[in-house]
Amino acid sequence: MPETGCPFCYPHQDPDQHIVLENETCYFLQHDHHQDILQGSGVIVPKAHRPTTFDLTEDEWLGVRALLLEARVYLGGRYGPDGYTLGWNVGRVSNQEIPHAHCHVIPRYADEPYAGKGIRHWLKQEDNRRNPR
């Protein structure tokens, strides 16, 4: 069931959001406002409103996998990246700003300033250490 006001439930309503690929259960979306620094980046989202990754059905998981493989072919041909960073944020503390499950697909390039630094690099910084309780 679509959720009122959810941009991933209604991707056609945002003229800057593009459905690049889709299958029965999912979309691969790219938004114009995210192409300046993260060129080629997009998200895979289930068509049904699922608040988090943990809420996906078995068919949606299969749809995500199929679309991820299709997106890799598309992105490889269009942008020629040297690698990819893939990620799911779950919950506000993880920076999930839109409460609709989405997998970030971020092409990475050897000539970018942060080449070689992935998700773990940022989370393992000393200033991210928790204070013992």
Protein backbone atom coordinates (compact mmCIF):
# COMPACT_ATOMS: atom_id res chain seq x y z
CA MET A 1 0.00 0.00 0.00
CA PRO A 2 1.51 3.39 -0.92
CA GLU A 3 2.26 5.81 1.88
CA THR A 4 1.03 9.39 1.42
CA GLY A 5 3.93 11.79 0.93
CA CYS A 6 6.54 9.06 0.39
CA PRO A 7 8.71 10.00 -2.62
CA PHE A 8 9.56 6.34 -3.29
CA CYS A 9 5.88 5.32 -3.38
CA TYR A 10 5.19 8.01 -5.99
CA PRO A 11 8.39 8.37 -8.05
CA HIS A 12 6.45 9.82 -11.02
CA GLN A 13 5.43 12.90 -9.02
CA ASP A 14 8.96 14.33 -8.78
CA PRO A 15 10.12 15.61 -12.19
CA ASP A 16 13.76 15.32 -11.02
CA GLN A 17 13.39 11.62 -10.13
CA HIS A 18 13.83 9.13 -12.95
CA ILE A 19 12.81 5.49 -13.11
CA VAL A 20 15.84 4.13 -14.92
CA LEU A 21 15.04 0.42 -14.58
CA GLU A 22 12.21 -1.57 -13.08
CA ASN A 23 10.93 -5.08 -12.64
CA GLU A 24 7.76 -6.50 -11.11
CA THR A 25 8.66 -5.60 -7.52
CA CYS A 26 11.27 -2.81 -7.63
CA TYR A 27 12.54 0.39 -9.25
CA PHE A 28 16.07 1.65 -9.82
CA LEU A 29 15.77 5.42 -9.41
CA GLN A 30 18.18 8.25 -10.08
CA HIS A 31 17.52 11.78 -8.85
CA ASP A 32 18.96 14.81 -10.66
CA HIS A 33 19.97 16.48 -7.37
CA HIS A 34 22.28 13.59 -6.46
CA GLN A 35 24.28 13.50 -9.69
CA ASP A 36 26.64 16.42 -9.05
CA ILE A 37 29.12 14.64 -6.77
CA LEU A 38 27.87 11.05 -6.81
CA GLN A 39 27.62 10.72 -10.60
CA GLY A 40 25.57 7.69 -11.61
CA SER A 41 24.28 7.02 -8.10
CA GLY A 42 20.78 5.73 -7.52
CA VAL A 43 18.61 3.66 -5.24
CA ILE A 44 16.77 0.39 -5.61
CA VAL A 45 13.39 0.57 -3.88
CA PRO A 46 10.52 -1.87 -3.58
CA LYS A 47 7.36 -0.64 -5.30
CA ALA A 48 5.35 -1.53 -2.20
CA HIS A 49 5.94 0.66 0.84
CA ARG A 50 8.28 -1.22 3.18
CA PRO A 51 9.65 0.88 6.06
CA THR A 52 12.97 -0.98 6.35
CA THR A 53 15.05 -3.63 4.64
CA PHE A 54 13.88 -6.14 7.24
CA ASP A 55 10.31 -5.75 5.97
CA LEU A 56 11.01 -6.92 2.40
CA THR A 57 9.25 -10.03 1.13
CA GLU A 58 11.12 -12.93 -0.43
CA ASP A 59 9.96 -11.82 -3.89
CA GLU A 60 11.16 -8.27 -3.23
CA TRP A 61 14.60 -9.57 -2.21
CA LEU A 62 14.79 -11.48 -5.47
CA GLY A 63 13.65 -8.36 -7.34
CA VAL A 64 16.33 -6.24 -5.62
CA ARG A 65 19.03 -8.74 -6.60
CA ALA A 66 17.84 -8.91 -10.21
CA LEU A 67 17.66 -5.12 -10.49
CA LEU A 68 21.09 -4.72 -8.87
CA LEU A 69 22.62 -6.93 -11.55
CA GLU A 70 20.78 -5.00 -14.26
CA ALA A 71 21.87 -1.67 -12.75
CA ARG A 72 25.50 -2.82 -12.78
CA VAL A 73 25.30 -3.45 -16.53
CA TYR A 74 23.57 -0.11 -17.12
CA LEU A 75 25.98 1.89 -14.94
CA GLY A 76 29.02 0.11 -16.34
CA GLY A 77 28.02 0.97 -19.89
CA ARG A 78 26.98 4.55 -19.18
CA TYR A 79 29.51 5.70 -16.56
CA GLY A 80 32.36 3.14 -16.56
CA PRO A 81 32.99 3.05 -12.80
CA ASP A 82 35.93 1.22 -11.26
CA GLY A 83 33.88 -0.16 -8.36
CA TYR A 84 30.68 0.28 -6.37
CA THR A 85 29.58 1.08 -2.84
CA LEU A 86 26.25 -0.52 -1.94
CA GLY A 87 24.37 0.20 1.24
CA TRP A 88 21.14 0.02 3.22
CA ASN A 89 20.51 2.50 6.04
CA VAL A 90 17.95 1.27 8.57
CA GLY A 91 16.49 3.72 11.06
CA ARG A 92 17.17 7.40 11.72
CA VAL A 93 20.39 6.74 13.65
CA SER A 94 21.75 5.09 10.49
CA ASN A 95 20.71 8.14 8.40
CA GLN A 96 17.61 6.59 6.83
CA GLU A 97 15.90 9.88 5.98
CA ILE A 98 13.06 8.36 3.94
CA PRO A 99 11.21 5.59 5.83
CA HIS A 100 10.90 3.40 2.71
CA ALA A 101 13.53 0.67 2.28
CA HIS A 102 16.15 1.61 -0.30
CA CYS A 103 19.53 0.26 -1.35
CA HIS A 104 22.05 2.90 -2.38
CA VAL A 105 24.00 2.00 -5.51
CA ILE A 106 26.99 4.32 -5.76
CA PRO A 107 29.49 3.98 -8.62
CA ARG A 108 33.08 4.63 -7.48
CA TYR A 109 35.98 5.90 -9.55
CA ALA A 110 39.74 5.45 -9.19
CA ASP A 111 40.34 9.17 -9.72
CA GLU A 112 37.96 10.42 -6.99
CA PRO A 113 39.51 11.94 -3.84
CA TYR A 114 38.00 9.25 -1.56
CA ALA A 115 38.86 6.26 -3.77
CA GLY A 116 39.62 3.26 -1.59
CA LYS A 117 37.50 4.53 1.29
CA GLY A 118 34.21 2.73 1.77
CA ILE A 119 31.53 2.60 4.44
CA ARG A 120 33.75 1.01 7.10
CA HIS A 121 36.40 3.72 6.72
CA TRP A 122 33.98 6.42 7.88
CA LEU A 123 32.43 4.39 10.67
CA LYS A 124 35.81 3.29 12.08
CA GLN A 125 37.03 6.84 12.73
CA GLU A 126 38.17 7.41 16.33
CA ASP A 127 35.68 10.24 16.79
CA ASN A 128 32.87 7.71 16.13
CA ARG A 129 33.81 5.64 19.21
CA ARG A 130 30.90 5.19 21.64
CA ASN A 131 31.27 6.29 25.26
CA PRO A 132 31.03 3.34 27.65
CA ARG A 133 27.93 3.43 29.82
